[in-house]
């Protein structure tokens, strides 16, 4: 069970990074992911203009390939590499939870 959780968190790290993280925002734009905006300039919809962009734009699709990547990483680089990604995944989830619980004083 621990291995399953570790692999899931590692795959989450890769999936979140590619599909949603601001760290890969430039990459997503470069491969063809764009946004539609409302009148206030807020992004309301996201789209991809080619097959790779559509794949990366879909967290479920990216998650499938991320699982395969994590399995390959485990074989080639060992347990430590997967555990490192899992730790980053835990920190990502805690950070997202923490910021969602904060009082929004600017609203």
C-alpha atoms as a PDB file:
ATOM      1  CA  UNK A   1       0.000   0.000   0.000  1.00  0.00           C
ATOM      2  CA  UNK A   2       2.852   2.374   0.759  1.00  0.00           C
ATOM      3  CA  UNK A   3       4.271   1.852  -2.730  1.00  0.00           C
ATOM      4  CA  UNK A   4       0.892   2.611  -4.280  1.00  0.00           C
ATOM      5  CA  UNK A   5       0.617   5.874  -2.345  1.00  0.00           C
ATOM      6  CA  UNK A   6       4.204   6.794  -3.208  1.00  0.00           C
ATOM      7  CA  UNK A   7       3.642   6.108  -6.907  1.00  0.00           C
ATOM      8  CA  UNK A   8       0.341   8.011  -6.882  1.00  0.00           C
ATOM      9  CA  UNK A   9       1.914  11.059  -5.252  1.00  0.00           C
ATOM     10  CA  UNK A  10       4.848  10.963  -7.663  1.00  0.00           C
ATOM     11  CA  UNK A  11       2.459  10.743 -10.634  1.00  0.00           C
ATOM     12  CA  UNK A  12       0.415  13.617  -9.144  1.00  0.00           C
ATOM     13  CA  UNK A  13       3.560  15.758  -9.021  1.00  0.00           C
ATOM     14  CA  UNK A  14       4.253  15.191 -12.716  1.00  0.00           C
ATOM     15  CA  UNK A  15       0.598  15.625 -13.706  1.00  0.00           C
ATOM     16  CA  UNK A  16       0.046  18.779 -11.668  1.00  0.00           C
ATOM     17  CA  UNK A  17       3.314  20.272 -12.835  1.00  0.00           C
ATOM     18  CA  UNK A  18       2.571  19.775 -16.517  1.00  0.00           C
ATOM     19  CA  UNK A  19      -1.138  20.603 -16.532  1.00  0.00           C
ATOM     20  CA  UNK A  20      -1.642  23.262 -13.856  1.00  0.00           C
ATOM     21  CA  UNK A  21       1.540  24.559 -12.242  1.00  0.00           C
ATOM     22  CA  UNK A  22       2.760  28.063 -13.018  1.00  0.00           C
ATOM     23  CA  UNK A  23       6.251  26.559 -13.297  1.00  0.00           C
ATOM     24  CA  UNK A  24       5.311  25.073 -16.687  1.00  0.00           C
ATOM     25  CA  UNK A  25       3.107  27.952 -17.896  1.00  0.00           C
ATOM     26  CA  UNK A  26       5.590  28.932 -20.607  1.00  0.00           C
ATOM     27  CA  UNK A  27       5.897  25.336 -21.750  1.00  0.00           C
ATOM     28  CA  UNK A  28       2.117  25.023 -22.068  1.00  0.00           C
ATOM     29  CA  UNK A  29       1.999  28.205 -24.149  1.00  0.00           C
ATOM     30  CA  UNK A  30       4.884  27.010 -26.294  1.00  0.00           C
ATOM     31  CA  UNK A  31       3.164  23.731 -27.169  1.00  0.00           C
ATOM     32  CA  UNK A  32      -0.124  25.468 -28.011  1.00  0.00           C
ATOM     33  CA  UNK A  33      -2.317  25.685 -24.916  1.00  0.00           C
ATOM     34  CA  UNK A  34      -4.253  28.950 -24.831  1.00  0.00           C
ATOM     35  CA  UNK A  35      -6.948  30.606 -22.731  1.00  0.00           C
ATOM     36  CA  UNK A  36     -10.273  32.343 -23.218  1.00  0.00           C
ATOM     37  CA  UNK A  37     -10.834  35.292 -20.879  1.00  0.00           C
ATOM     38  CA  UNK A  38     -13.908  37.000 -19.446  1.00  0.00           C
ATOM     39  CA  UNK A  39     -14.503  40.777 -19.398  1.00  0.00           C
ATOM     40  CA  UNK A  40     -12.367  41.193 -16.259  1.00  0.00           C
ATOM     41  CA  UNK A  41      -9.404  39.360 -17.794  1.00  0.00           C
ATOM     42  CA  UNK A  42      -9.880  36.148 -15.789  1.00  0.00           C
ATOM     43  CA  UNK A  43      -9.138  32.887 -17.588  1.00  0.00           C
ATOM     44  CA  UNK A  44     -12.403  30.997 -17.967  1.00  0.00           C
ATOM     45  CA  UNK A  45     -11.515  28.249 -20.419  1.00  0.00           C
ATOM     46  CA  UNK A  46      -8.355  26.571 -21.648  1.00  0.00           C
ATOM     47  CA  UNK A  47      -7.831  24.867 -24.982  1.00  0.00           C
ATOM     48  CA  UNK A  48      -5.144  23.159 -27.019  1.00  0.00           C
ATOM     49  CA  UNK A  49      -4.597  23.746 -30.716  1.00  0.00           C
ATOM     50  CA  UNK A  50      -2.786  20.459 -31.508  1.00  0.00           C
ATOM     51  CA  UNK A  51      -2.679  16.843 -30.297  1.00  0.00           C
ATOM     52  CA  UNK A  52       0.155  17.363 -27.791  1.00  0.00           C
ATOM     53  CA  UNK A  53      -1.494  20.485 -26.349  1.00  0.00           C
ATOM     54  CA  UNK A  54      -4.802  18.653 -25.993  1.00  0.00           C
ATOM     55  CA  UNK A  55      -3.040  15.759 -24.246  1.00  0.00           C
ATOM     56  CA  UNK A  56      -1.243  18.019 -21.744  1.00  0.00           C
ATOM     57  CA  UNK A  57      -4.409  20.078 -21.251  1.00  0.00           C
ATOM     58  CA  UNK A  58      -6.221  16.973 -19.947  1.00  0.00           C
ATOM     59  CA  UNK A  59      -5.089  16.010 -16.396  1.00  0.00           C
ATOM     60  CA  UNK A  60      -6.478  12.483 -16.800  1.00  0.00           C
ATOM     61  CA  UNK A  61      -4.575  11.911 -20.050  1.00  0.00           C
ATOM     62  CA  UNK A  62      -1.406  13.408 -18.608  1.00  0.00           C
ATOM     63  CA  UNK A  63      -1.874  11.337 -15.443  1.00  0.00           C
ATOM     64  CA  UNK A  64      -1.896   8.125 -17.462  1.00  0.00           C
ATOM     65  CA  UNK A  65       1.440   8.976 -19.084  1.00  0.00           C
ATOM     66  CA  UNK A  66       2.788  10.290 -15.776  1.00  0.00           C
ATOM     67  CA  UNK A  67       2.160   6.859 -14.207  1.00  0.00           C
ATOM     68  CA  UNK A  68       4.146   5.202 -16.978  1.00  0.00           C
ATOM     69  CA  UNK A  69       6.914   7.784 -16.583  1.00  0.00           C
ATOM     70  CA  UNK A  70       7.083   7.167 -12.820  1.00  0.00           C
ATOM     71  CA  UNK A  71       7.323   3.408 -13.362  1.00  0.00           C
ATOM     72  CA  UNK A  72      10.162   3.905 -15.848  1.00  0.00           C
ATOM     73  CA  UNK A  73      11.844   6.340 -13.446  1.00  0.00           C
ATOM     74  CA  UNK A  74      11.616   3.738 -10.687  1.00  0.00           C
ATOM     75  CA  UNK A  75      13.306   1.142 -12.903  1.00  0.00           C
ATOM     76  CA  UNK A  76      16.040   3.445 -14.223  1.00  0.00           C
ATOM     77  CA  UNK A  77      16.727   5.816 -11.336  1.00  0.00           C
ATOM     78  CA  UNK A  78      15.558   3.846  -8.324  1.00  0.00           C
ATOM     79  CA  UNK A  79      13.275   4.312  -5.383  1.00  0.00           C
ATOM     80  CA  UNK A  80      14.804   7.596  -4.187  1.00  0.00           C
ATOM     81  CA  UNK A  81      13.776   9.470  -7.345  1.00  0.00           C
ATOM     82  CA  UNK A  82      10.154   8.330  -7.005  1.00  0.00           C
ATOM     83  CA  UNK A  83      10.119   9.101  -3.283  1.00  0.00           C
ATOM     84  CA  UNK A  84      11.454  12.596  -4.000  1.00  0.00           C
ATOM     85  CA  UNK A  85       8.597  13.241  -6.454  1.00  0.00           C
ATOM     86  CA  UNK A  86       6.154  11.853  -3.869  1.00  0.00           C
ATOM     87  CA  UNK A  87       7.470  14.295  -1.248  1.00  0.00           C
ATOM     88  CA  UNK A  88       7.029  17.178  -3.686  1.00  0.00           C
ATOM     89  CA  UNK A  89       3.489  15.912  -4.333  1.00  0.00           C
ATOM     90  CA  UNK A  90       2.660  15.915  -0.624  1.00  0.00           C
ATOM     91  CA  UNK A  91       4.009  19.455  -0.264  1.00  0.00           C
ATOM     92  CA  UNK A  92       2.000  20.545  -3.298  1.00  0.00           C
ATOM     93  CA  UNK A  93      -1.223  19.124  -1.855  1.00  0.00           C
ATOM     94  CA  UNK A  94      -0.584  20.620   1.595  1.00  0.00           C
ATOM     95  CA  UNK A  95       0.211  23.997   0.055  1.00  0.00           C
ATOM     96  CA  UNK A  96      -2.925  23.960  -2.085  1.00  0.00           C
ATOM     97  CA  UNK A  97      -5.047  22.928   0.912  1.00  0.00           C
ATOM     98  CA  UNK A  98      -3.463  25.557   3.167  1.00  0.00           C
ATOM     99  CA  UNK A  99      -4.012  28.426   0.750  1.00  0.00           C
ATOM    100  CA  UNK A 100      -7.603  27.314   0.113  1.00  0.00           C
ATOM    101  CA  UNK A 101      -8.305  27.497   3.874  1.00  0.00           C
ATOM    102  CA  UNK A 102      -6.935  31.003   4.313  1.00  0.00           C
ATOM    103  CA  UNK A 103      -9.342  33.854   4.876  1.00  0.00           C
ATOM    104  CA  UNK A 104      -9.612  35.835   1.667  1.00  0.00           C
ATOM    105  CA  UNK A 105      -9.299  39.363   3.018  1.00  0.00           C
ATOM    106  CA  UNK A 106      -9.144  40.844  -0.492  1.00  0.00           C
ATOM    107  CA  UNK A 107     -12.661  39.667  -1.416  1.00  0.00           C
END
